[in-house]
Amino acid sequence: MKTGKIVDIECNCGFRLFRYFKAGKGRIIKLLISRLSADFVGLKGAETYSKPICPQCGKELGIIMMIHGEPALKINHGTIKDIRI
């Protein structure tokens, strides 16, 4: 992908979770793990169907699933600050 933006994704408690290459417009619904440029939670190498948590507040961030043949984090929008591009 050539066009897009790098965005910082934060928990509602203010802890920076990821730095992600966002392609396209709209909300972030899923995070493809291959597009993470910085991972402060430890998603890389996590098992499918695991549920990562925020290291600071302990809230569940979502679930790791296979989407289009790639591992991705399907986000729980109640724990992550809203980002629209």
Protein backbone atom coordinates (compact mmCIF):
# COMPACT_ATOMS: atom_id res chain seq x y z
CA MET A 1 0.00 0.00 0.00
CA LYS A 2 1.27 3.40 -0.91
CA THR A 3 -1.34 5.79 0.42
CA GLY A 4 -2.40 6.11 4.02
CA LYS A 5 -1.44 7.60 7.35
CA ILE A 6 0.38 6.39 10.42
CA VAL A 7 -1.81 6.89 13.48
CA ASP A 8 -1.28 6.34 17.20
CA ILE A 9 -3.98 4.24 18.82
CA GLU A 10 -4.61 4.85 22.52
CA CYS A 11 -6.72 3.25 25.20
CA ASN A 12 -9.37 5.38 26.92
CA CYS A 13 -7.06 5.52 29.95
CA GLY A 14 -4.46 7.35 27.82
CA PHE A 15 -1.92 4.53 27.33
CA ARG A 16 -0.48 4.37 23.79
CA LEU A 17 -1.14 0.86 22.48
CA PHE A 18 -0.06 0.80 18.83
CA ARG A 19 1.33 2.82 15.97
CA TYR A 20 -0.62 1.66 12.89
CA PHE A 21 -0.56 2.33 9.14
CA LYS A 22 -4.18 3.24 8.31
CA ALA A 23 -5.15 2.89 4.66
CA GLY A 24 -8.39 4.39 3.43
CA LYS A 25 -11.02 6.48 5.16
CA GLY A 26 -13.31 5.80 8.07
CA ARG A 27 -13.10 4.23 11.50
CA ILE A 28 -10.57 1.64 12.52
CA ILE A 29 -12.49 -1.60 12.89
CA LYS A 30 -9.68 -4.14 12.67
CA LEU A 31 -5.91 -3.88 12.95
CA LEU A 32 -3.93 -6.06 10.58
CA ILE A 33 -0.93 -7.13 12.63
CA SER A 34 1.34 -6.91 9.57
CA ARG A 35 0.68 -3.13 9.39
CA LEU A 36 1.77 -2.37 12.97
CA SER A 37 4.92 -0.28 13.07
CA ALA A 38 5.09 -0.15 16.89
CA ASP A 39 3.43 -2.62 19.24
CA PHE A 40 3.38 -1.71 22.95
CA VAL A 41 1.00 -4.55 23.93
CA GLY A 42 2.68 -7.58 22.36
CA LEU A 43 0.28 -8.59 19.57
CA LYS A 44 3.01 -9.91 17.29
CA GLY A 45 3.25 -13.64 17.92
CA ALA A 46 -0.01 -13.85 19.88
CA GLU A 47 -2.27 -16.83 19.28
CA THR A 48 -5.50 -16.71 17.29
CA TYR A 49 -8.62 -16.10 19.44
CA SER A 50 -6.57 -14.65 22.28
CA LYS A 51 -7.88 -11.47 23.91
CA PRO A 52 -5.13 -8.92 24.59
CA ILE A 53 -5.55 -6.43 27.42
CA CYS A 54 -4.31 -2.90 28.09
CA PRO A 55 -1.17 -3.08 30.25
CA GLN A 56 -2.20 -0.02 32.27
CA CYS A 57 -5.93 -0.42 33.02
CA GLY A 58 -6.50 -4.12 32.24
CA LYS A 59 -9.44 -3.68 29.83
CA GLU A 60 -9.90 -6.11 26.96
CA LEU A 61 -8.90 -4.59 23.58
CA GLY A 62 -10.60 -7.10 21.30
CA ILE A 63 -9.96 -10.55 19.84
CA ILE A 64 -7.31 -11.77 17.41
CA MET A 65 -8.88 -13.44 14.39
CA MET A 66 -7.88 -14.51 10.89
CA ILE A 67 -9.32 -11.93 8.47
CA HIS A 68 -8.60 -12.36 4.74
CA GLY A 69 -5.93 -14.94 5.61
CA GLU A 70 -3.98 -12.60 7.93
CA PRO A 71 -4.04 -12.31 11.72
CA ALA A 72 -5.86 -9.16 12.80
CA LEU A 73 -7.18 -7.60 16.00
CA LYS A 74 -10.95 -7.07 15.84
CA ILE A 75 -11.30 -4.03 18.09
CA ASN A 76 -13.62 -3.58 21.05
CA HIS A 77 -14.59 0.07 20.50
CA GLY A 78 -15.47 0.68 24.14
CA THR A 79 -11.81 0.61 25.17
CA ILE A 80 -10.08 2.50 22.37
CA LYS A 81 -10.26 6.23 21.67
CA ASP A 82 -12.20 7.00 18.50
CA ILE A 83 -10.03 7.77 15.47
CA ARG A 84 -11.50 8.77 12.11
CA ILE A 85 -9.61 9.58 8.97
